[in-house]
Amino acid sequence: MEIAAVVVSVVALGVSGAASLRQLRLTAHANAVPVLVDLFREHRSVQLAMARHVVYARLPSRDLSAGLDGLPGSERDLVRELAWFYDNLGALVAHGVVDIEPVSGYLGGSVISVWERVEPLVQAERAKRARNNLPDPNRWQEYFENLYYLVRETPPEQARAQTDMWRLPRP
């Protein structure tokens, strides 16, 4: 009789622990959903769409060696806003607030293409900050850079295909 009670207790403890873990995951997911919805909405905003246009259409012809100071004012503001958006998104992913899979699945292509176009500007800006003795100059856009590498590890196609709810065939 005592062995049966111990077995029942152990099974009950296991079931309770599994239910608690599932509840924690559901809570974390529920907290991340509004954050992701807001981020995706911001990415679709007119301002960030204009910023991406500047990055794709105008940045390649600009001298990026002066960092942000080398860009005309309106372009500088747009590029900075876009870079900060991805940097903030990278911070949320790096600290586990949101998972990389939905970010990569939805925004991964943009993360990769924007980073590859702005990287020379970021490197120039970091060098300028180092020359001006600003603290930790290499930290500027570090979360964006890290996000780029995370997306490369979990490319958009893979992130989408790994979800249980993806039905489209891979290209």
Protein backbone atom coordinates (compact mmCIF):
# COMPACT_ATOMS: atom_id res chain seq x y z
CA MET A 1 0.00 0.00 0.00
CA GLU A 2 2.82 2.44 0.85
CA ILE A 3 4.59 1.80 -2.47
CA ALA A 4 1.38 2.57 -4.37
CA ALA A 5 1.01 5.85 -2.48
CA VAL A 6 4.60 6.80 -3.29
CA VAL A 7 4.11 5.96 -6.98
CA VAL A 8 0.89 8.00 -7.10
CA SER A 9 2.67 10.91 -5.40
CA VAL A 10 5.59 10.78 -7.84
CA VAL A 11 3.26 10.60 -10.84
CA ALA A 12 1.19 13.50 -9.47
CA LEU A 13 4.36 15.52 -8.92
CA GLY A 14 5.49 14.82 -12.50
CA VAL A 15 2.13 15.79 -13.98
CA SER A 16 2.04 18.93 -11.85
CA GLY A 17 5.56 19.88 -12.91
CA ALA A 18 4.78 19.32 -16.61
CA ALA A 19 1.60 21.39 -16.32
CA SER A 20 3.54 24.19 -14.61
CA LEU A 21 6.18 24.22 -17.35
CA ARG A 22 3.49 24.34 -20.03
CA GLN A 23 1.78 27.21 -18.21
CA LEU A 24 5.08 29.12 -18.05
CA ARG A 25 5.60 28.65 -21.79
CA LEU A 26 2.05 29.79 -22.55
CA THR A 27 2.48 32.85 -20.34
CA ALA A 28 5.75 33.77 -22.02
CA HIS A 29 4.13 33.32 -25.42
CA ALA A 30 1.14 35.43 -24.43
CA ASN A 31 3.47 38.22 -23.27
CA ALA A 32 5.51 38.12 -26.49
CA VAL A 33 2.53 38.32 -28.87
CA PRO A 34 1.68 42.01 -28.27
CA VAL A 35 5.36 42.91 -28.53
CA LEU A 36 5.68 41.12 -31.88
CA VAL A 37 2.46 42.61 -33.23
CA ASP A 38 3.66 46.12 -32.36
CA LEU A 39 7.09 45.51 -33.87
CA PHE A 40 5.67 44.08 -37.08
CA ARG A 41 3.26 47.03 -37.33
CA GLU A 42 6.12 49.50 -36.83
CA HIS A 43 8.16 47.73 -39.51
CA ARG A 44 5.28 48.27 -41.95
CA SER A 45 5.01 51.98 -41.07
CA VAL A 46 5.46 54.62 -43.75
CA GLN A 47 8.56 55.98 -42.00
CA LEU A 48 10.40 52.65 -41.88
CA ALA A 49 9.29 51.83 -45.43
CA MET A 50 10.87 55.12 -46.54
CA ALA A 51 13.96 54.25 -44.50
CA ARG A 52 14.29 50.88 -46.25
CA HIS A 53 13.91 52.65 -49.61
CA VAL A 54 16.80 54.97 -48.66
CA VAL A 55 18.92 51.99 -47.60
CA TYR A 56 18.26 50.05 -50.80
CA ALA A 57 18.13 52.87 -53.38
CA ARG A 58 20.38 55.65 -52.09
CA LEU A 59 22.84 54.21 -49.58
CA PRO A 60 24.85 52.24 -52.18
CA SER A 61 25.83 55.50 -53.91
CA ARG A 62 26.79 57.31 -50.68
CA ASP A 63 30.24 57.56 -49.14
CA LEU A 64 29.70 55.73 -45.85
CA SER A 65 33.20 56.33 -44.51
CA ALA A 66 32.00 59.29 -42.41
CA GLY A 67 29.28 57.23 -40.74
CA LEU A 68 25.95 58.92 -40.19
CA ASP A 69 27.49 62.37 -40.65
CA GLY A 70 28.14 61.53 -44.30
CA LEU A 71 24.44 61.28 -45.07
CA PRO A 72 22.10 64.18 -45.87
CA GLY A 73 19.91 65.09 -42.88
CA SER A 74 16.65 63.42 -43.87
CA GLU A 75 18.42 60.25 -45.02
CA ARG A 76 20.52 60.20 -41.84
CA ASP A 77 17.39 60.37 -39.69
CA LEU A 78 15.65 57.58 -41.61
CA VAL A 79 18.68 55.28 -41.62
CA ARG A 80 19.26 55.88 -37.92
CA GLU A 81 15.59 55.11 -37.12
CA LEU A 82 15.73 51.88 -39.11
CA ALA A 83 19.01 50.80 -37.53
CA TRP A 84 17.65 51.55 -34.05
CA PHE A 85 14.52 49.54 -34.85
CA TYR A 86 16.60 46.47 -35.72
CA ASP A 87 18.92 47.10 -32.77
CA ASN A 88 15.94 47.19 -30.38
CA LEU A 89 14.50 44.07 -32.00
CA GLY A 90 17.88 42.39 -31.61
CA ALA A 91 17.93 43.26 -27.91
CA LEU A 92 14.50 41.69 -27.42
CA VAL A 93 15.61 38.51 -29.17
CA ALA A 94 18.99 38.34 -27.41
CA HIS A 95 17.36 38.63 -24.00
CA GLY A 96 14.66 36.07 -24.72
CA VAL A 97 11.71 38.46 -24.75
CA VAL A 98 10.77 37.23 -28.23
CA ASP A 99 11.93 34.12 -30.09
CA ILE A 100 14.09 34.30 -33.19
CA GLU A 101 11.77 32.08 -35.27
CA PRO A 102 8.87 34.51 -35.81
CA VAL A 103 11.29 37.42 -36.19
CA SER A 104 13.35 35.59 -38.79
CA GLY A 105 10.31 34.10 -40.51
CA TYR A 106 8.69 37.50 -40.98
CA LEU A 107 11.55 40.03 -41.01
CA GLY A 108 14.65 37.92 -41.60
CA GLY A 109 15.15 38.89 -45.23
CA SER A 110 15.03 42.56 -44.30
CA VAL A 111 17.37 42.06 -41.35
CA ILE A 112 19.96 40.44 -43.62
CA SER A 113 19.70 42.83 -46.56
CA VAL A 114 19.58 46.00 -44.43
CA TRP A 115 22.53 44.92 -42.26
CA GLU A 116 24.65 44.09 -45.29
CA ARG A 117 24.01 47.57 -46.70
CA VAL A 118 24.52 49.50 -43.46
CA GLU A 119 27.45 47.51 -42.05
CA PRO A 120 30.09 49.81 -43.64
CA LEU A 121 28.29 52.81 -42.13
CA VAL A 122 28.11 51.09 -38.72
CA GLN A 123 31.82 50.28 -38.83
CA ALA A 124 32.65 53.89 -39.75
CA GLU A 125 30.38 55.18 -37.00
CA ARG A 126 32.03 52.87 -34.45
CA ALA A 127 35.47 54.06 -35.54
CA LYS A 128 34.37 57.68 -35.24
CA ARG A 129 33.01 57.04 -31.76
CA ALA A 130 36.29 55.38 -30.76
CA ARG A 131 38.27 58.40 -32.02
CA ASN A 132 36.01 60.66 -29.94
CA ASN A 133 36.68 58.52 -26.86
CA LEU A 134 33.02 57.64 -26.41
CA PRO A 135 32.52 54.75 -23.99
CA ASP A 136 32.22 51.30 -25.55
CA PRO A 137 32.06 52.51 -29.19
CA ASN A 138 31.70 48.99 -30.59
CA ARG A 139 28.42 48.60 -28.75
CA TRP A 140 26.66 50.87 -31.26
CA GLN A 141 24.26 48.63 -33.26
CA GLU A 142 25.69 45.53 -31.60
CA TYR A 143 22.25 44.00 -31.05
CA PHE A 144 21.43 44.59 -34.73
CA GLU A 145 24.67 42.89 -35.75
CA ASN A 146 23.93 39.97 -33.42
CA LEU A 147 20.39 39.73 -34.83
CA TYR A 148 21.90 39.46 -38.30
CA TYR A 149 23.97 36.43 -37.20
CA LEU A 150 20.99 34.86 -35.42
CA VAL A 151 18.88 35.20 -38.57
CA ARG A 152 21.72 33.67 -40.62
CA GLU A 153 21.65 30.68 -38.22
CA THR A 154 17.86 30.39 -38.50
CA PRO A 155 17.11 31.68 -42.01
CA PRO A 156 13.58 32.85 -42.81
CA GLU A 157 12.75 29.79 -44.91
CA GLN A 158 13.87 27.47 -42.13
CA ALA A 159 12.07 29.46 -39.43
CA ARG A 160 8.81 29.27 -41.38
CA ALA A 161 9.19 25.61 -42.35
CA GLN A 162 9.93 24.54 -38.76
CA THR A 163 6.60 25.72 -37.43
CA ASP A 164 3.86 23.11 -37.19
CA MET A 165 1.47 25.43 -39.01
CA TRP A 166 3.52 25.98 -42.20
CA ARG A 167 2.16 24.19 -45.27
CA LEU A 168 3.77 25.90 -48.25
CA PRO A 169 6.50 23.88 -49.92
CA ARG A 170 10.07 25.05 -49.72
CA PRO A 171 11.33 26.83 -52.83
